[in-house]
Amino acid sequence: QVQLVESGGGLVQAGGSLRLSCAASGSIVSINSMAWYRQAPGKQRELVADITSDGSTNYADSVKGRFTISRDNAKNTVYLQMNSLKPEDTAVYYCLAKIMPRGFGRVLLNYWGQGTQVTVSS
């Protein structure tokens, strides 16, 4: 069984910073790409940033220059450093990992974290 556990959300004033973490655990053979998504009330879930196993990154235009995604492969963990936060960044943030679990052959499955709330006050 594979689990993703997120941490680091909270309440911050506009212009502040937060760092989110998402750790994968369980019967894992390997982890391919990892990503952060967010969903604001009444809106669809959207991609914030993703990172491949070799460290290539991609960002939504709305967060470029403010957010940084990184990963520690030894810890099966992905991070999202969020700086210069804006009220419009308020959302529940979810991590997604494409994981090859043990016992399923060479199949990559999508696993989601439970979500962590980020609230930015003006």
Protein backbone atom coordinates (compact mmCIF):
# COMPACT_ATOMS: atom_id res chain seq x y z
CA GLN A 1 0.00 0.00 0.00
CA VAL A 2 1.24 3.47 -0.91
CA GLN A 3 0.44 6.68 0.93
CA LEU A 4 1.19 10.35 0.31
CA VAL A 5 1.19 12.58 3.38
CA GLU A 6 1.26 16.35 2.99
CA SER A 7 2.21 18.99 5.51
CA GLY A 8 3.06 22.68 5.72
CA GLY A 9 -0.18 24.46 4.91
CA GLY A 10 -1.61 27.25 7.00
CA LEU A 11 -2.64 30.88 7.21
CA VAL A 12 -0.25 33.58 6.03
CA GLN A 13 -0.46 37.25 5.14
CA ALA A 14 -0.04 38.43 1.58
CA GLY A 15 3.64 38.66 0.71
CA GLY A 16 4.53 35.86 3.09
CA SER A 17 5.96 32.41 2.47
CA LEU A 18 5.05 28.80 3.12
CA ARG A 19 6.74 25.50 2.35
CA LEU A 20 4.68 22.43 1.58
CA SER A 21 5.99 18.88 1.85
CA CYS A 22 4.61 15.62 0.53
CA ALA A 23 6.18 12.31 1.52
CA ALA A 24 5.43 9.02 -0.19
CA SER A 25 5.69 5.79 1.78
CA GLY A 26 4.80 2.13 1.47
CA SER A 27 5.60 -0.57 -1.05
CA ILE A 28 7.29 1.55 -3.71
CA VAL A 29 9.55 0.35 -6.49
CA SER A 30 10.13 3.77 -8.00
CA ILE A 31 8.61 7.23 -8.34
CA ASN A 32 8.37 8.94 -11.70
CA SER A 33 7.05 12.51 -11.81
CA MET A 34 5.68 14.39 -8.81
CA ALA A 35 3.45 17.43 -8.88
CA TRP A 36 1.45 19.94 -6.89
CA TYR A 37 -2.12 20.85 -7.79
CA ARG A 38 -4.52 23.25 -6.12
CA GLN A 39 -8.25 23.71 -5.97
CA ALA A 40 -9.91 26.92 -4.88
CA PRO A 41 -13.59 27.00 -3.84
CA GLY A 42 -15.85 26.78 -6.87
CA LYS A 43 -12.96 26.19 -9.25
CA GLN A 44 -11.44 23.20 -10.98
CA ARG A 45 -8.27 21.60 -9.72
CA GLU A 46 -5.28 23.06 -11.56
CA LEU A 47 -1.63 22.16 -11.97
CA VAL A 48 0.73 24.39 -10.00
CA ALA A 49 4.07 22.74 -10.75
CA ASP A 50 5.59 19.40 -11.57
CA ILE A 51 9.02 17.82 -11.50
CA THR A 52 10.40 14.75 -13.26
CA SER A 53 12.59 12.10 -11.70
CA ASP A 54 15.68 13.81 -13.12
CA GLY A 55 14.67 17.24 -11.82
CA SER A 56 13.12 18.97 -14.82
CA THR A 57 10.42 21.38 -13.70
CA ASN A 58 7.32 23.03 -15.10
CA TYR A 59 5.22 25.82 -13.59
CA ALA A 60 1.84 27.41 -14.12
CA ASP A 61 2.22 30.96 -15.42
CA SER A 62 0.48 32.31 -12.34
CA VAL A 63 3.23 31.06 -9.99
CA LYS A 64 6.37 31.43 -12.11
CA GLY A 65 9.06 33.35 -10.26
CA ARG A 66 7.29 32.94 -6.90
CA PHE A 67 7.03 29.17 -6.33
CA THR A 68 9.77 26.55 -6.50
CA ILE A 69 9.20 22.81 -6.70
CA SER A 70 11.95 20.41 -5.63
CA ARG A 71 12.30 16.79 -4.57
CA ASP A 72 14.48 14.58 -2.43
CA ASN A 73 14.55 11.18 -4.10
CA ALA A 74 16.22 9.54 -1.12
CA LYS A 75 13.26 10.60 1.04
CA ASN A 76 10.55 10.10 -1.61
CA THR A 77 9.49 13.66 -0.88
CA VAL A 78 8.44 16.61 -2.99
CA TYR A 79 8.44 20.20 -1.76
CA LEU A 80 6.77 23.43 -2.84
CA GLN A 81 8.38 26.63 -1.64
CA MET A 82 5.85 29.43 -2.01
CA ASN A 83 7.04 33.02 -1.76
CA SER A 84 5.32 36.37 -2.32
CA LEU A 85 1.98 34.73 -1.66
CA LYS A 86 -1.18 36.42 -2.90
CA PRO A 87 -4.80 36.07 -1.76
CA GLU A 88 -5.54 34.35 -5.08
CA ASP A 89 -3.16 31.54 -4.06
CA THR A 90 -5.70 30.50 -1.42
CA ALA A 91 -6.71 26.90 -2.11
CA VAL A 92 -6.37 23.32 -1.00
CA TYR A 93 -3.05 22.05 -2.31
CA TYR A 94 -2.68 18.41 -3.35
CA CYS A 95 0.37 16.44 -4.31
CA LEU A 96 0.32 13.83 -7.04
CA ALA A 97 2.95 11.18 -7.62
CA LYS A 98 3.25 8.65 -10.43
CA ILE A 99 4.48 5.58 -8.59
CA MET A 100 5.41 2.04 -9.53
CA PRO A 101 4.16 0.03 -6.54
CA ARG A 102 5.43 -3.44 -5.67
CA GLY A 103 3.34 -6.35 -6.90
CA PHE A 104 1.79 -4.66 -9.95
CA GLY A 105 4.50 -5.28 -12.52
CA ARG A 106 5.97 -2.31 -14.37
CA VAL A 107 2.86 -0.17 -14.04
CA LEU A 108 2.79 3.49 -13.02
CA LEU A 109 -0.21 4.49 -10.91
CA ASN A 110 -1.36 7.94 -9.82
CA TYR A 111 -1.46 8.56 -6.09
CA TRP A 112 -2.90 11.70 -4.47
CA GLY A 113 -2.27 13.25 -1.11
CA GLN A 114 -5.11 14.22 1.20
CA GLY A 115 -4.70 17.93 0.60
CA THR A 116 -3.49 20.79 2.77
CA GLN A 117 -5.20 24.16 3.11
CA VAL A 118 -3.30 27.32 2.24
CA THR A 119 -5.02 30.59 3.11
CA VAL A 120 -3.50 33.96 2.21
CA SER A 121 -5.05 37.01 3.85
CA SER A 122 -4.92 40.46 2.28
